[in-house]
Amino acid sequence: MAKRRPLDPARADRFGWEQGDLEFSQCFRCRRKTPGEEVCTAFPGGIPEAIRTNDVDHRRPYPGDQGVLFEAEEC
């Protein structure tokens, strides 16, 4: 889930996107995620918020991931 920032009144009338305005969770592109759920092979009991919000890069080990890391889904 993307981090939510408070609305900046100075930008409220802007129509368009700037780099960094929209951020997808790394889980969105991971082949190990269960579609429609917030679980995956690494975290069958639930993906930690730090990973879902991209505060942690799951291409590196994370406590409790059972040695299973991010793997990009093929397009």
N, C-alpha and C. Protein backbone atom coordinates (compact mmCIF):
# COMPACT_ATOMS: atom_id res chain seq x y z
N MET A 1 0.84 -1.16 0.00
CA MET A 1 0.00 0.00 0.00
C MET A 1 0.89 1.24 0.00
N ALA A 2 0.56 2.21 -0.80
CA ALA A 2 1.37 3.42 -0.92
C ALA A 2 1.22 4.29 0.33
N LYS A 3 2.27 4.99 0.67
CA LYS A 3 2.20 5.92 1.79
C LYS A 3 1.30 7.09 1.41
N ARG A 4 0.51 7.53 2.35
CA ARG A 4 -0.37 8.68 2.09
C ARG A 4 0.25 9.92 2.70
N ARG A 5 0.28 10.98 1.90
CA ARG A 5 0.79 12.25 2.38
C ARG A 5 -0.39 13.21 2.49
N PRO A 6 -0.34 14.15 3.45
CA PRO A 6 -1.42 15.12 3.54
C PRO A 6 -1.48 15.96 2.27
N LEU A 7 -2.68 16.38 1.91
CA LEU A 7 -2.87 17.21 0.72
C LEU A 7 -2.20 18.55 0.93
N ASP A 8 -1.39 18.95 0.00
CA ASP A 8 -0.73 20.25 0.04
C ASP A 8 -1.66 21.26 -0.62
N PRO A 9 -2.22 22.22 0.13
CA PRO A 9 -3.16 23.18 -0.46
C PRO A 9 -2.59 23.94 -1.65
N ALA A 10 -1.29 24.16 -1.66
CA ALA A 10 -0.66 24.87 -2.78
C ALA A 10 -0.71 24.07 -4.07
N ARG A 11 -0.92 22.75 -3.96
CA ARG A 11 -0.94 21.90 -5.15
C ARG A 11 -2.33 21.32 -5.42
N ALA A 12 -3.32 21.72 -4.64
CA ALA A 12 -4.65 21.12 -4.73
C ALA A 12 -5.32 21.36 -6.08
N ASP A 13 -5.01 22.46 -6.75
CA ASP A 13 -5.67 22.75 -8.02
C ASP A 13 -4.90 22.18 -9.22
N ARG A 14 -3.82 21.50 -8.95
CA ARG A 14 -2.97 20.95 -10.01
C ARG A 14 -3.61 19.71 -10.62
N PHE A 15 -3.55 19.60 -11.92
CA PHE A 15 -4.07 18.42 -12.60
C PHE A 15 -2.90 17.80 -13.35
N GLY A 16 -2.39 16.73 -12.86
CA GLY A 16 -1.24 16.07 -13.46
C GLY A 16 -0.41 15.39 -12.40
N TRP A 17 0.61 14.71 -12.84
CA TRP A 17 1.45 13.94 -11.94
C TRP A 17 2.88 14.41 -12.05
N GLU A 18 3.56 14.34 -10.95
CA GLU A 18 4.99 14.58 -10.93
C GLU A 18 5.66 13.31 -10.44
N GLN A 19 6.92 13.14 -10.76
CA GLN A 19 7.64 11.96 -10.30
C GLN A 19 7.56 11.88 -8.78
N GLY A 20 7.22 10.71 -8.28
CA GLY A 20 7.12 10.50 -6.85
C GLY A 20 5.71 10.65 -6.30
N ASP A 21 4.76 11.13 -7.10
CA ASP A 21 3.39 11.31 -6.63
C ASP A 21 2.68 9.98 -6.41
N LEU A 22 3.04 8.98 -7.17
CA LEU A 22 2.38 7.69 -7.09
C LEU A 22 3.43 6.60 -6.91
N GLU A 23 3.24 5.78 -5.91
CA GLU A 23 4.21 4.74 -5.64
C GLU A 23 3.47 3.43 -5.39
N PHE A 24 3.85 2.38 -6.10
CA PHE A 24 3.25 1.06 -5.93
C PHE A 24 4.12 0.23 -5.01
N SER A 25 3.48 -0.63 -4.25
CA SER A 25 4.21 -1.56 -3.39
C SER A 25 5.03 -2.52 -4.25
N GLN A 26 6.21 -2.86 -3.76
CA GLN A 26 7.04 -3.84 -4.46
C GLN A 26 6.29 -5.17 -4.60
N CYS A 27 5.36 -5.41 -3.69
CA CYS A 27 4.58 -6.65 -3.73
C CYS A 27 3.72 -6.73 -4.99
N PHE A 28 3.35 -5.58 -5.53
CA PHE A 28 2.51 -5.52 -6.72
C PHE A 28 3.14 -6.28 -7.89
N ARG A 29 4.47 -6.27 -7.97
CA ARG A 29 5.18 -6.90 -9.08
C ARG A 29 5.87 -8.20 -8.70
N CYS A 30 5.61 -8.70 -7.49
CA CYS A 30 6.29 -9.92 -7.05
C CYS A 30 5.49 -11.16 -7.41
N ARG A 31 6.15 -12.12 -8.00
CA ARG A 31 5.47 -13.35 -8.43
C ARG A 31 5.07 -14.23 -7.25
N ARG A 32 5.59 -13.96 -6.07
CA ARG A 32 5.31 -14.78 -4.89
C ARG A 32 4.05 -14.35 -4.13
N LYS A 33 3.49 -13.20 -4.47
CA LYS A 33 2.31 -12.69 -3.78
C LYS A 33 1.06 -13.45 -4.22
N THR A 34 0.18 -13.68 -3.27
CA THR A 34 -1.10 -14.32 -3.57
C THR A 34 -2.05 -13.24 -4.07
N PRO A 35 -2.57 -13.36 -5.30
CA PRO A 35 -3.45 -12.33 -5.86
C PRO A 35 -4.67 -12.06 -4.95
N GLY A 36 -4.94 -10.78 -4.77
CA GLY A 36 -6.11 -10.38 -4.00
C GLY A 36 -5.96 -10.46 -2.49
N GLU A 37 -4.79 -10.85 -2.01
CA GLU A 37 -4.55 -10.98 -0.58
C GLU A 37 -3.23 -10.33 -0.21
N GLU A 38 -3.04 -10.03 1.05
CA GLU A 38 -1.78 -9.44 1.52
C GLU A 38 -0.91 -10.51 2.16
N VAL A 39 -0.78 -11.64 1.47
CA VAL A 39 0.07 -12.75 1.89
C VAL A 39 0.90 -13.20 0.69
N CYS A 40 1.97 -13.94 0.98
CA CYS A 40 2.82 -14.45 -0.09
C CYS A 40 3.56 -15.68 0.42
N THR A 41 4.39 -16.25 -0.43
CA THR A 41 5.18 -17.43 -0.05
C THR A 41 6.09 -17.12 1.13
N ALA A 42 6.68 -15.94 1.16
CA ALA A 42 7.59 -15.57 2.24
C ALA A 42 6.85 -15.29 3.54
N PHE A 43 5.64 -14.72 3.43
CA PHE A 43 4.88 -14.31 4.61
C PHE A 43 3.44 -14.82 4.51
N PRO A 44 3.24 -16.13 4.71
CA PRO A 44 1.89 -16.68 4.59
C PRO A 44 0.92 -16.17 5.64
N GLY A 45 1.44 -15.61 6.72
CA GLY A 45 0.59 -15.05 7.76
C GLY A 45 0.31 -13.57 7.59
N GLY A 46 0.85 -12.97 6.54
CA GLY A 46 0.65 -11.55 6.27
C GLY A 46 1.96 -10.84 6.00
N ILE A 47 1.98 -10.05 4.94
CA ILE A 47 3.18 -9.31 4.55
C ILE A 47 3.37 -8.14 5.51
N PRO A 48 4.56 -7.99 6.09
CA PRO A 48 4.81 -6.88 7.01
C PRO A 48 4.60 -5.51 6.34
N GLU A 49 4.08 -4.59 7.11
CA GLU A 49 3.82 -3.24 6.60
C GLU A 49 5.08 -2.60 6.03
N ALA A 50 6.23 -2.82 6.66
CA ALA A 50 7.48 -2.21 6.18
C ALA A 50 7.80 -2.64 4.75
N ILE A 51 7.41 -3.83 4.37
CA ILE A 51 7.64 -4.31 3.00
C ILE A 51 6.54 -3.79 2.08
N ARG A 52 5.29 -3.88 2.53
CA ARG A 52 4.17 -3.39 1.70
C ARG A 52 4.32 -1.92 1.35
N THR A 53 4.87 -1.12 2.27
CA THR A 53 5.00 0.33 2.04
C THR A 53 6.36 0.73 1.48
N ASN A 54 7.17 -0.25 1.11
CA ASN A 54 8.49 -0.02 0.51
C ASN A 54 9.49 0.66 1.45
N ASP A 55 9.25 0.59 2.75
CA ASP A 55 10.24 1.10 3.69
C ASP A 55 11.44 0.16 3.74
N VAL A 56 11.23 -1.08 3.34
CA VAL A 56 12.28 -2.10 3.31
C VAL A 56 12.31 -2.70 1.90
N ASP A 57 13.48 -2.87 1.35
CA ASP A 57 13.66 -3.49 0.04
C ASP A 57 13.72 -5.00 0.25
N HIS A 58 12.73 -5.72 -0.23
CA HIS A 58 12.69 -7.16 0.03
C HIS A 58 13.51 -7.98 -0.97
N ARG A 59 14.40 -7.34 -1.69
CA ARG A 59 15.40 -8.08 -2.45
C ARG A 59 16.52 -8.51 -1.51
N ARG A 60 16.45 -8.00 -0.29
CA ARG A 60 17.39 -8.37 0.78
C ARG A 60 16.61 -9.10 1.87
N PRO A 61 17.27 -9.99 2.61
CA PRO A 61 16.57 -10.74 3.66
C PRO A 61 15.89 -9.83 4.68
N TYR A 62 14.76 -10.31 5.18
CA TYR A 62 13.98 -9.61 6.19
C TYR A 62 13.53 -10.64 7.22
N PRO A 63 13.55 -10.30 8.50
CA PRO A 63 13.18 -11.27 9.53
C PRO A 63 11.82 -11.94 9.25
N GLY A 64 11.83 -13.26 9.30
CA GLY A 64 10.60 -14.02 9.12
C GLY A 64 10.26 -14.39 7.69
N ASP A 65 11.12 -14.02 6.72
CA ASP A 65 10.78 -14.30 5.31
C ASP A 65 11.13 -15.72 4.85
N GLN A 66 11.62 -16.55 5.76
CA GLN A 66 11.92 -17.95 5.48
C GLN A 66 12.94 -18.13 4.36
N GLY A 67 13.75 -17.10 4.10
CA GLY A 67 14.75 -17.16 3.04
C GLY A 67 14.17 -16.91 1.65
N VAL A 68 12.90 -16.54 1.58
CA VAL A 68 12.22 -16.27 0.31
C VAL A 68 12.23 -14.77 0.08
N LEU A 69 12.81 -14.31 -1.03
CA LEU A 69 12.92 -12.89 -1.33
C LEU A 69 12.04 -12.50 -2.52
N PHE A 70 11.93 -11.18 -2.74
CA PHE A 70 11.21 -10.64 -3.88
C PHE A 70 11.72 -11.27 -5.18
N GLU A 71 10.80 -11.61 -6.05
CA GLU A 71 11.16 -12.08 -7.39
C GLU A 71 10.17 -11.42 -8.36
N ALA A 72 10.69 -10.65 -9.28
CA ALA A 72 9.84 -9.91 -10.21
C ALA A 72 8.99 -10.85 -11.07
N GLU A 73 7.75 -10.47 -11.21
CA GLU A 73 6.82 -11.21 -12.06
C GLU A 73 7.18 -10.94 -13.51
N GLU A 74 7.13 -11.96 -14.34
CA GLU A 74 7.44 -11.76 -15.76
C GLU A 74 6.24 -11.14 -16.45
N CYS A 75 6.53 -10.21 -17.34
CA CYS A 75 5.46 -9.53 -18.09
C CYS A 75 5.02 -10.33 -19.28
